[in-house]
């Protein structure tokens, strides 16, 4: 059984017992969170497809950690124009473990 959820502007395929990193959520470590925007639920051959979301479906998860991702470098350079700009970015994330898919 798996589901496709939408959170933080991205879509994730999740199954019970999986861990994944999503965009930063306002939740403490150990807290239970619920994702209500479920786009698809698949259970064997049965497939429930939402328009755009599946009515009454949710995915329950537990927050296992928070942190910041690796630094990425943004470099802008114009040749022969004496223009060079560097910038860095680290994205915040929340790590969650999927506990249950409620159809």
Protein backbone atom coordinates (compact mmCIF):
# COMPACT_ATOMS: atom_id res chain seq x y z
CA UNK A 1 0.00 0.00 0.00
CA UNK A 2 1.28 3.46 -0.86
CA UNK A 3 0.01 7.00 -1.28
CA UNK A 4 1.06 10.20 -3.02
CA UNK A 5 0.88 13.28 -0.79
CA UNK A 6 1.49 16.96 -1.41
CA UNK A 7 3.31 19.14 1.12
CA UNK A 8 5.56 22.15 0.80
CA UNK A 9 4.80 22.51 -2.91
CA UNK A 10 6.20 19.05 -3.68
CA UNK A 11 4.69 15.59 -4.15
CA UNK A 12 5.99 12.49 -2.39
CA UNK A 13 5.23 8.78 -2.76
CA UNK A 14 5.00 7.33 0.77
CA UNK A 15 4.40 3.93 2.34
CA UNK A 16 3.99 2.93 6.01
CA UNK A 17 7.33 2.63 7.78
CA UNK A 18 9.22 4.94 5.39
CA UNK A 19 11.21 7.98 6.46
CA UNK A 20 11.48 11.07 4.31
CA UNK A 21 12.55 14.71 4.44
CA UNK A 22 9.90 17.31 3.71
CA UNK A 23 9.92 21.10 3.78
CA UNK A 24 10.08 22.60 7.28
CA UNK A 25 6.96 21.94 9.40
CA UNK A 26 6.03 23.72 12.63
CA UNK A 27 6.15 20.61 14.83
CA UNK A 28 8.35 19.39 17.66
CA UNK A 29 10.39 16.18 17.51
CA UNK A 30 8.12 13.29 18.53
CA UNK A 31 4.92 15.10 17.57
CA UNK A 32 2.32 13.49 15.33
CA UNK A 33 1.50 15.24 12.04
CA UNK A 34 -1.22 14.55 9.53
CA UNK A 35 -1.09 15.20 5.78
CA UNK A 36 -4.57 15.84 4.36
CA UNK A 37 -3.65 16.54 0.74
CA UNK A 38 -3.60 12.94 -0.53
CA UNK A 39 -3.58 12.79 -4.32
CA UNK A 40 -3.61 9.01 -4.82
CA UNK A 41 -3.95 5.81 -2.78
CA UNK A 42 -2.93 2.42 -4.17
CA UNK A 43 -3.66 -0.85 -2.37
CA UNK A 44 -2.62 -3.79 -4.53
CA UNK A 45 -4.73 -3.53 -7.69
CA UNK A 46 -7.18 -1.03 -6.18
CA UNK A 47 -6.39 2.57 -7.08
CA UNK A 48 -8.14 5.67 -5.72
CA UNK A 49 -7.31 8.79 -7.69
CA UNK A 50 -8.34 12.18 -6.33
CA UNK A 51 -9.75 15.14 -8.25
CA UNK A 52 -7.52 16.83 -7.05
CA UNK A 53 -7.45 15.09 -3.63
CA UNK A 54 -9.00 11.89 -2.31
CA UNK A 55 -11.96 12.81 -0.08
CA UNK A 56 -11.56 11.71 3.55
CA UNK A 57 -8.05 10.33 3.08
CA UNK A 58 -5.05 11.27 5.21
CA UNK A 59 -1.54 10.13 5.99
CA UNK A 60 -0.34 10.08 9.60
CA UNK A 61 3.33 10.53 10.44
CA UNK A 62 5.65 11.18 13.37
CA UNK A 63 8.37 13.85 13.38
CA UNK A 64 11.78 12.23 13.95
CA UNK A 65 14.08 15.20 13.43
CA UNK A 66 14.69 18.67 12.04
CA UNK A 67 17.71 20.20 10.41
CA UNK A 68 19.26 22.01 7.50
CA UNK A 69 20.37 20.52 4.21
CA UNK A 70 23.76 20.76 2.55
CA UNK A 71 24.93 24.16 1.38
CA UNK A 72 24.51 24.90 -2.30
CA UNK A 73 26.50 27.60 -4.06
CA UNK A 74 24.89 30.10 -6.43
CA UNK A 75 27.40 31.78 -8.76
CA UNK A 76 26.59 34.56 -11.22
CA UNK A 77 29.32 35.66 -13.59
CA UNK A 78 29.38 37.94 -16.65
CA UNK A 79 32.47 37.52 -18.74
CA UNK A 80 34.50 40.63 -19.58
CA UNK A 81 32.16 42.85 -17.49
CA UNK A 82 33.91 42.68 -14.06
CA UNK A 83 30.75 41.16 -12.55
CA UNK A 84 31.00 38.18 -10.21
CA UNK A 85 28.53 37.32 -7.42
CA UNK A 86 28.46 34.31 -5.09
CA UNK A 87 25.71 33.29 -2.73
CA UNK A 88 25.00 30.24 -0.54
CA UNK A 89 21.78 28.61 0.64
CA UNK A 90 20.83 25.90 3.13
CA UNK A 91 17.23 24.66 3.07
CA UNK A 92 15.44 23.76 6.32
CA UNK A 93 13.80 20.34 6.47
CA UNK A 94 11.75 18.14 8.80
CA UNK A 95 12.30 14.39 8.82
CA UNK A 96 9.12 12.35 9.28
CA UNK A 97 8.33 8.64 9.57
CA UNK A 98 5.06 7.50 8.00
CA UNK A 99 2.97 5.51 10.46
CA UNK A 100 -0.41 5.00 8.79
CA UNK A 101 -2.36 5.64 5.60
CA UNK A 102 -6.07 6.22 6.22
CA UNK A 103 -8.21 5.71 3.11
